[in-house]
């Protein structure tokens, strides 16, 4: 594989979907590795170190939810889930296990490509805003916006690209009410404004990693509206 091409691991057992997705990704200069049943997906994750994973939840002989959890434990790689499961509980479960996005089948290839590229953008630093602070400190949490590093009590906190993108919005807007729609549009992109389960799940993930159970909250919930980030 060429080192300057985006590497994508496609975990999918439907050959028609494999052919469609792989052909469109290769046409856009991505390298694609396929795992047909998920049994070798974790090994491939470690061997090829993909830039992102496209994961079908309903695999023969493999629990897609468990595979998502194991991949997230081993890597901060972007994970886009494809699933015939349409229930909100399934979507929330996948997001809680570390998925960055969730698409239901059948899907349009252009929408999938847009979501893939949005996920990839979150994993790659953009140009710095000259008015942004270099470091934001809240209690024993230090957020280095330039290096995209976060520590708590001096210990490194591992955040996924989506978690950091969400934290970046909070850290650069302290005290400001950020509505669900605003966060969804800025972090996930246009078209997500009504998907409030994304913000609920990911704010909960940030709270679990950064807040102390017996300390003051960093993320203040404004019921039915959104959240405020406090630095005091």
C-alpha atoms as a PDB file:
ATOM      1  CA  UNK A   1       0.000   0.000   0.000  1.00  0.00           C
ATOM      2  CA  UNK A   2       1.150   3.549  -0.674  1.00  0.00           C
ATOM      3  CA  UNK A   3       1.853   5.345   2.584  1.00  0.00           C
ATOM      4  CA  UNK A   4       0.324   8.615   1.371  1.00  0.00           C
ATOM      5  CA  UNK A   5      -3.054   7.093   0.542  1.00  0.00           C
ATOM      6  CA  UNK A   6      -5.872   6.800   3.042  1.00  0.00           C
ATOM      7  CA  UNK A   7      -6.186   3.235   4.333  1.00  0.00           C
ATOM      8  CA  UNK A   8      -9.691   1.961   4.988  1.00  0.00           C
ATOM      9  CA  UNK A   9     -10.678  -1.352   6.556  1.00  0.00           C
ATOM     10  CA  UNK A  10     -14.079  -2.541   5.310  1.00  0.00           C
ATOM     11  CA  UNK A  11     -15.688  -5.210   7.513  1.00  0.00           C
ATOM     12  CA  UNK A  12     -18.671  -6.450   5.521  1.00  0.00           C
ATOM     13  CA  UNK A  13     -20.006  -9.843   4.428  1.00  0.00           C
ATOM     14  CA  UNK A  14     -22.378  -8.720   1.641  1.00  0.00           C
ATOM     15  CA  UNK A  15     -20.349  -9.010  -1.575  1.00  0.00           C
ATOM     16  CA  UNK A  16     -22.567  -6.519  -3.414  1.00  0.00           C
ATOM     17  CA  UNK A  17     -21.879  -3.873  -0.765  1.00  0.00           C
ATOM     18  CA  UNK A  18     -18.180  -4.765  -0.707  1.00  0.00           C
ATOM     19  CA  UNK A  19     -17.934  -4.317  -4.484  1.00  0.00           C
ATOM     20  CA  UNK A  20     -19.871  -1.023  -4.443  1.00  0.00           C
ATOM     21  CA  UNK A  21     -18.009   0.569  -1.546  1.00  0.00           C
ATOM     22  CA  UNK A  22     -14.563  -0.669  -2.537  1.00  0.00           C
ATOM     23  CA  UNK A  23     -14.901   0.494  -6.150  1.00  0.00           C
ATOM     24  CA  UNK A  24     -16.002   3.979  -5.102  1.00  0.00           C
ATOM     25  CA  UNK A  25     -13.261   4.333  -2.492  1.00  0.00           C
ATOM     26  CA  UNK A  26     -10.512   3.122  -4.819  1.00  0.00           C
ATOM     27  CA  UNK A  27     -11.748   5.586  -7.452  1.00  0.00           C
ATOM     28  CA  UNK A  28     -11.142   8.332  -4.874  1.00  0.00           C
ATOM     29  CA  UNK A  29      -7.572   7.222  -4.140  1.00  0.00           C
ATOM     30  CA  UNK A  30      -8.246   5.224  -0.983  1.00  0.00           C
ATOM     31  CA  UNK A  31      -6.662   1.828  -0.286  1.00  0.00           C
ATOM     32  CA  UNK A  32      -9.257  -0.712   0.866  1.00  0.00           C
ATOM     33  CA  UNK A  33      -8.722  -3.938   2.828  1.00  0.00           C
ATOM     34  CA  UNK A  34     -11.747  -6.221   3.271  1.00  0.00           C
ATOM     35  CA  UNK A  35     -12.649  -8.523   6.145  1.00  0.00           C
ATOM     36  CA  UNK A  36     -15.606 -10.666   5.092  1.00  0.00           C
ATOM     37  CA  UNK A  37     -16.728 -12.036   8.465  1.00  0.00           C
ATOM     38  CA  UNK A  38     -14.867  -9.966  11.060  1.00  0.00           C
ATOM     39  CA  UNK A  39     -12.804 -12.906  12.337  1.00  0.00           C
ATOM     40  CA  UNK A  40      -9.558 -11.271  11.193  1.00  0.00           C
ATOM     41  CA  UNK A  41     -10.639  -7.643  11.645  1.00  0.00           C
ATOM     42  CA  UNK A  42      -8.735  -6.999  14.890  1.00  0.00           C
ATOM     43  CA  UNK A  43      -5.542  -8.479  13.421  1.00  0.00           C
ATOM     44  CA  UNK A  44      -5.948  -6.308  10.317  1.00  0.00           C
ATOM     45  CA  UNK A  45      -6.559  -3.270  12.509  1.00  0.00           C
ATOM     46  CA  UNK A  46      -3.157  -3.788  14.100  1.00  0.00           C
ATOM     47  CA  UNK A  47      -1.343  -4.925  10.936  1.00  0.00           C
ATOM     48  CA  UNK A  48      -2.383  -2.222   8.466  1.00  0.00           C
ATOM     49  CA  UNK A  49      -3.252   0.562  10.954  1.00  0.00           C
ATOM     50  CA  UNK A  50      -6.124   1.920   8.867  1.00  0.00           C
ATOM     51  CA  UNK A  51      -7.153   5.564   8.902  1.00  0.00           C
ATOM     52  CA  UNK A  52     -10.747   4.433   9.425  1.00  0.00           C
ATOM     53  CA  UNK A  53     -13.010   1.383   9.646  1.00  0.00           C
ATOM     54  CA  UNK A  54     -16.363   0.758   7.994  1.00  0.00           C
ATOM     55  CA  UNK A  55     -18.085  -1.874  10.109  1.00  0.00           C
ATOM     56  CA  UNK A  56     -21.181  -3.963   9.440  1.00  0.00           C
ATOM     57  CA  UNK A  57     -22.821  -4.995  12.706  1.00  0.00           C
ATOM     58  CA  UNK A  58     -24.536  -8.129  11.402  1.00  0.00           C
ATOM     59  CA  UNK A  59     -21.657 -10.452  10.546  1.00  0.00           C
ATOM     60  CA  UNK A  60     -21.779 -14.258  10.302  1.00  0.00           C
ATOM     61  CA  UNK A  61     -20.380 -15.769  13.466  1.00  0.00           C
ATOM     62  CA  UNK A  62     -19.180 -12.442  14.875  1.00  0.00           C
ATOM     63  CA  UNK A  63     -20.906 -10.027  17.252  1.00  0.00           C
ATOM     64  CA  UNK A  64     -20.544  -6.664  15.505  1.00  0.00           C
ATOM     65  CA  UNK A  65     -21.153  -4.733  18.717  1.00  0.00           C
ATOM     66  CA  UNK A  66     -18.431  -6.668  20.511  1.00  0.00           C
ATOM     67  CA  UNK A  67     -16.091  -6.129  17.559  1.00  0.00           C
ATOM     68  CA  UNK A  68     -16.769  -2.395  17.683  1.00  0.00           C
ATOM     69  CA  UNK A  69     -15.960  -2.350  21.402  1.00  0.00           C
ATOM     70  CA  UNK A  70     -12.726  -4.302  20.924  1.00  0.00           C
ATOM     71  CA  UNK A  71     -11.589  -2.080  18.063  1.00  0.00           C
ATOM     72  CA  UNK A  72     -12.235   1.053  20.103  1.00  0.00           C
ATOM     73  CA  UNK A  73     -10.288  -0.341  23.043  1.00  0.00           C
ATOM     74  CA  UNK A  74      -7.303  -0.980  20.787  1.00  0.00           C
ATOM     75  CA  UNK A  75      -7.391   2.126  18.594  1.00  0.00           C
ATOM     76  CA  UNK A  76      -8.743   5.662  18.228  1.00  0.00           C
ATOM     77  CA  UNK A  77      -9.420   5.001  14.529  1.00  0.00           C
ATOM     78  CA  UNK A  78     -12.616   6.478  13.097  1.00  0.00           C
ATOM     79  CA  UNK A  79     -15.413   3.899  12.932  1.00  0.00           C
ATOM     80  CA  UNK A  80     -18.467   4.277  10.689  1.00  0.00           C
ATOM     81  CA  UNK A  81     -21.068   1.589  11.357  1.00  0.00           C
ATOM     82  CA  UNK A  82     -23.298   0.174   8.619  1.00  0.00           C
ATOM     83  CA  UNK A  83     -26.303  -1.751   9.844  1.00  0.00           C
ATOM     84  CA  UNK A  84     -29.734  -3.023   8.883  1.00  0.00           C
ATOM     85  CA  UNK A  85     -30.703  -2.363  12.514  1.00  0.00           C
ATOM     86  CA  UNK A  86     -32.806   0.801  12.517  1.00  0.00           C
ATOM     87  CA  UNK A  87     -33.709   1.097  16.197  1.00  0.00           C
ATOM     88  CA  UNK A  88     -32.434   4.069  18.194  1.00  0.00           C
ATOM     89  CA  UNK A  89     -31.280   1.715  20.947  1.00  0.00           C
ATOM     90  CA  UNK A  90     -28.963  -0.023  18.468  1.00  0.00           C
ATOM     91  CA  UNK A  91     -27.560   3.314  17.300  1.00  0.00           C
ATOM     92  CA  UNK A  92     -27.007   4.535  20.870  1.00  0.00           C
ATOM     93  CA  UNK A  93     -25.393   1.218  21.812  1.00  0.00           C
ATOM     94  CA  UNK A  94     -22.962   1.446  18.880  1.00  0.00           C
ATOM     95  CA  UNK A  95     -22.110   5.069  19.718  1.00  0.00           C
ATOM     96  CA  UNK A  96     -21.590   4.146  23.359  1.00  0.00           C
ATOM     97  CA  UNK A  97     -19.168   1.423  22.250  1.00  0.00           C
ATOM     98  CA  UNK A  98     -17.116   3.978  20.345  1.00  0.00           C
ATOM     99  CA  UNK A  99     -18.584   4.291  16.860  1.00  0.00           C
ATOM    100  CA  UNK A 100     -18.160   7.767  15.341  1.00  0.00           C
ATOM    101  CA  UNK A 101     -21.138   7.494  12.997  1.00  0.00           C
ATOM    102  CA  UNK A 102     -24.027   5.135  12.258  1.00  0.00           C
ATOM    103  CA  UNK A 103     -25.722   4.525   8.898  1.00  0.00           C
ATOM    104  CA  UNK A 104     -28.644   2.238   8.215  1.00  0.00           C
ATOM    105  CA  UNK A 105     -29.001  -0.001   5.169  1.00  0.00           C
ATOM    106  CA  UNK A 106     -29.933   0.519   2.405  1.00  0.00           C
ATOM    107  CA  UNK A 107     -27.794   3.628   1.969  1.00  0.00           C
ATOM    108  CA  UNK A 108     -26.732   5.960  -0.808  1.00  0.00           C
ATOM    109  CA  UNK A 109     -23.072   5.714  -1.762  1.00  0.00           C
ATOM    110  CA  UNK A 110     -22.671   9.498  -1.940  1.00  0.00           C
ATOM    111  CA  UNK A 111     -23.968   9.887   1.612  1.00  0.00           C
ATOM    112  CA  UNK A 112     -21.610   7.171   2.810  1.00  0.00           C
ATOM    113  CA  UNK A 113     -18.668   8.850   1.081  1.00  0.00           C
ATOM    114  CA  UNK A 114     -19.601  12.191   2.659  1.00  0.00           C
ATOM    115  CA  UNK A 115     -19.707  10.617   6.117  1.00  0.00           C
ATOM    116  CA  UNK A 116     -16.392   8.853   5.553  1.00  0.00           C
ATOM    117  CA  UNK A 117     -14.723  12.092   4.542  1.00  0.00           C
ATOM    118  CA  UNK A 118     -16.279  13.966   7.487  1.00  0.00           C
ATOM    119  CA  UNK A 119     -14.921  11.325   9.876  1.00  0.00           C
ATOM    120  CA  UNK A 120     -11.483  11.523   8.258  1.00  0.00           C
ATOM    121  CA  UNK A 121     -11.469  15.327   8.578  1.00  0.00           C
ATOM    122  CA  UNK A 122     -12.024  15.052  12.328  1.00  0.00           C
ATOM    123  CA  UNK A 123      -8.916  12.883  12.629  1.00  0.00           C
ATOM    124  CA  UNK A 124      -6.702  15.375  10.800  1.00  0.00           C
ATOM    125  CA  UNK A 125      -5.833  18.740  12.320  1.00  0.00           C
ATOM    126  CA  UNK A 126      -6.968  21.732  10.318  1.00  0.00           C
ATOM    127  CA  UNK A 127      -5.448  25.168  10.146  1.00  0.00           C
ATOM    128  CA  UNK A 128      -5.186  26.806  13.557  1.00  0.00           C
ATOM    129  CA  UNK A 129      -7.296  29.835  14.349  1.00  0.00           C
ATOM    130  CA  UNK A 130      -4.800  32.550  15.420  1.00  0.00           C
ATOM    131  CA  UNK A 131      -7.277  33.773  18.039  1.00  0.00           C
ATOM    132  CA  UNK A 132      -7.570  30.382  19.716  1.00  0.00           C
ATOM    133  CA  UNK A 133      -5.713  29.782  22.965  1.00  0.00           C
ATOM    134  CA  UNK A 134      -2.904  27.236  22.793  1.00  0.00           C
ATOM    135  CA  UNK A 135      -3.898  25.525  26.031  1.00  0.00           C
ATOM    136  CA  UNK A 136      -7.131  25.487  28.039  1.00  0.00           C
ATOM    137  CA  UNK A 137      -6.900  24.399  31.681  1.00  0.00           C
ATOM    138  CA  UNK A 138      -9.856  23.320  33.806  1.00  0.00           C
ATOM    139  CA  UNK A 139      -8.872  22.083  37.261  1.00  0.00           C
ATOM    140  CA  UNK A 140      -6.393  19.265  36.688  1.00  0.00           C
ATOM    141  CA  UNK A 141      -7.416  18.872  33.032  1.00  0.00           C
ATOM    142  CA  UNK A 142      -5.163  20.456  30.411  1.00  0.00           C
ATOM    143  CA  UNK A 143      -6.340  20.674  26.788  1.00  0.00           C
ATOM    144  CA  UNK A 144      -3.569  21.426  24.292  1.00  0.00           C
ATOM    145  CA  UNK A 145      -5.461  22.597  21.222  1.00  0.00           C
ATOM    146  CA  UNK A 146      -2.367  22.811  19.039  1.00  0.00           C
ATOM    147  CA  UNK A 147      -1.075  19.283  19.660  1.00  0.00           C
ATOM    148  CA  UNK A 148      -4.565  17.808  20.209  1.00  0.00           C
ATOM    149  CA  UNK A 149      -3.386  16.342  23.491  1.00  0.00           C
ATOM    150  CA  UNK A 150      -5.369  16.119  26.736  1.00  0.00           C
ATOM    151  CA  UNK A 151      -4.062  15.297  30.192  1.00  0.00           C
ATOM    152  CA  UNK A 152      -5.802  14.854  33.529  1.00  0.00           C
ATOM    153  CA  UNK A 153      -3.688  15.051  36.648  1.00  0.00           C
ATOM    154  CA  UNK A 154      -0.639  14.879  34.385  1.00  0.00           C
ATOM    155  CA  UNK A 155      -1.763  11.603  32.810  1.00  0.00           C
ATOM    156  CA  UNK A 156      -2.563  11.378  29.102  1.00  0.00           C
ATOM    157  CA  UNK A 157      -6.273  10.949  28.319  1.00  0.00           C
ATOM    158  CA  UNK A 158      -6.942   9.011  25.139  1.00  0.00           C
ATOM    159  CA  UNK A 159      -9.664  10.669  23.075  1.00  0.00           C
ATOM    160  CA  UNK A 160     -10.957   9.597  19.693  1.00  0.00           C
ATOM    161  CA  UNK A 161     -10.887  12.203  16.890  1.00  0.00           C
ATOM    162  CA  UNK A 162     -14.623  12.776  17.316  1.00  0.00           C
ATOM    163  CA  UNK A 163     -14.314  13.171  21.081  1.00  0.00           C
ATOM    164  CA  UNK A 164     -11.523  15.707  20.631  1.00  0.00           C
ATOM    165  CA  UNK A 165     -13.436  17.591  17.919  1.00  0.00           C
ATOM    166  CA  UNK A 166     -16.375  17.955  20.307  1.00  0.00           C
ATOM    167  CA  UNK A 167     -14.111  18.966  23.200  1.00  0.00           C
ATOM    168  CA  UNK A 168     -12.443  21.544  20.934  1.00  0.00           C
ATOM    169  CA  UNK A 169     -15.814  23.230  20.337  1.00  0.00           C
ATOM    170  CA  UNK A 170     -16.407  23.445  24.085  1.00  0.00           C
ATOM    171  CA  UNK A 171     -12.890  24.572  24.997  1.00  0.00           C
ATOM    172  CA  UNK A 172     -12.920  27.402  22.460  1.00  0.00           C
ATOM    173  CA  UNK A 173     -16.372  28.594  23.553  1.00  0.00           C
ATOM    174  CA  UNK A 174     -16.282  28.640  27.375  1.00  0.00           C
ATOM    175  CA  UNK A 175     -19.526  29.713  29.007  1.00  0.00           C
ATOM    176  CA  UNK A 176     -21.391  29.834  25.688  1.00  0.00           C
ATOM    177  CA  UNK A 177     -24.591  27.851  25.235  1.00  0.00           C
ATOM    178  CA  UNK A 178     -23.846  25.444  22.413  1.00  0.00           C
ATOM    179  CA  UNK A 179     -27.083  23.948  21.161  1.00  0.00           C
ATOM    180  CA  UNK A 180     -27.372  20.349  20.043  1.00  0.00           C
ATOM    181  CA  UNK A 181     -27.853  21.545  16.460  1.00  0.00           C
ATOM    182  CA  UNK A 182     -24.748  23.747  16.588  1.00  0.00           C
ATOM    183  CA  UNK A 183     -22.542  20.977  17.966  1.00  0.00           C
ATOM    184  CA  UNK A 184     -23.900  18.425  15.525  1.00  0.00           C
ATOM    185  CA  UNK A 185     -23.347  20.706  12.558  1.00  0.00           C
ATOM    186  CA  UNK A 186     -19.823  21.726  13.609  1.00  0.00           C
ATOM    187  CA  UNK A 187     -18.575  18.281  14.645  1.00  0.00           C
ATOM    188  CA  UNK A 188     -20.472  15.803  12.479  1.00  0.00           C
ATOM    189  CA  UNK A 189     -21.516  18.086   9.624  1.00  0.00           C
ATOM    190  CA  UNK A 190     -24.633  19.405   7.859  1.00  0.00           C
ATOM    191  CA  UNK A 191     -27.615  17.089   7.995  1.00  0.00           C
ATOM    192  CA  UNK A 192     -27.032  15.855  11.553  1.00  0.00           C
ATOM    193  CA  UNK A 193     -28.846  18.684  13.334  1.00  0.00           C
ATOM    194  CA  UNK A 194     -31.670  16.461  14.640  1.00  0.00           C
ATOM    195  CA  UNK A 195     -29.462  13.511  15.696  1.00  0.00           C
ATOM    196  CA  UNK A 196     -29.292  14.535  19.350  1.00  0.00           C
ATOM    197  CA  UNK A 197     -28.347  11.031  20.479  1.00  0.00           C
ATOM    198  CA  UNK A 198     -24.873  11.755  19.079  1.00  0.00           C
ATOM    199  CA  UNK A 199     -24.303  14.725  21.381  1.00  0.00           C
ATOM    200  CA  UNK A 200     -25.846  12.966  24.381  1.00  0.00           C
ATOM    201  CA  UNK A 201     -23.599   9.936  23.990  1.00  0.00           C
ATOM    202  CA  UNK A 202     -20.410  11.852  23.251  1.00  0.00           C
ATOM    203  CA  UNK A 203     -20.847  14.422  26.028  1.00  0.00           C
ATOM    204  CA  UNK A 204     -21.356  11.469  28.390  1.00  0.00           C
ATOM    205  CA  UNK A 205     -18.106   9.953  27.078  1.00  0.00           C
ATOM    206  CA  UNK A 206     -16.229  13.209  27.724  1.00  0.00           C
ATOM    207  CA  UNK A 207     -17.706  13.475  31.209  1.00  0.00           C
ATOM    208  CA  UNK A 208     -16.614   9.938  32.035  1.00  0.00           C
ATOM    209  CA  UNK A 209     -13.050  10.643  30.900  1.00  0.00           C
ATOM    210  CA  UNK A 210     -12.554  14.185  32.216  1.00  0.00           C
ATOM    211  CA  UNK A 211     -14.855  14.907  35.163  1.00  0.00           C
ATOM    212  CA  UNK A 212     -14.427  13.719  38.747  1.00  0.00           C
ATOM    213  CA  UNK A 213     -17.480  12.046  40.248  1.00  0.00           C
ATOM    214  CA  UNK A 214     -17.156  14.174  43.387  1.00  0.00           C
ATOM    215  CA  UNK A 215     -16.034  17.386  41.669  1.00  0.00           C
ATOM    216  CA  UNK A 216     -17.731  20.236  39.822  1.00  0.00           C
ATOM    217  CA  UNK A 217     -19.054  19.503  36.330  1.00  0.00           C
ATOM    218  CA  UNK A 218     -17.228  20.742  33.247  1.00  0.00           C
ATOM    219  CA  UNK A 219     -20.212  20.270  30.958  1.00  0.00           C
ATOM    220  CA  UNK A 220     -23.441  21.928  32.105  1.00  0.00           C
ATOM    221  CA  UNK A 221     -26.629  20.552  30.571  1.00  0.00           C
ATOM    222  CA  UNK A 222     -29.230  23.097  29.502  1.00  0.00           C
ATOM    223  CA  UNK A 223     -32.366  20.926  29.276  1.00  0.00           C
ATOM    224  CA  UNK A 224     -33.729  20.545  25.728  1.00  0.00           C
ATOM    225  CA  UNK A 225     -31.212  23.111  24.460  1.00  0.00           C
ATOM    226  CA  UNK A 226     -27.615  21.956  24.689  1.00  0.00           C
ATOM    227  CA  UNK A 227     -24.548  22.413  26.891  1.00  0.00           C
ATOM    228  CA  UNK A 228     -22.209  24.992  28.376  1.00  0.00           C
ATOM    229  CA  UNK A 229     -18.533  24.389  29.104  1.00  0.00           C
ATOM    230  CA  UNK A 230     -17.288  25.886  32.347  1.00  0.00           C
ATOM    231  CA  UNK A 231     -13.666  26.578  33.220  1.00  0.00           C
ATOM    232  CA  UNK A 232     -14.316  27.642  36.815  1.00  0.00           C
END
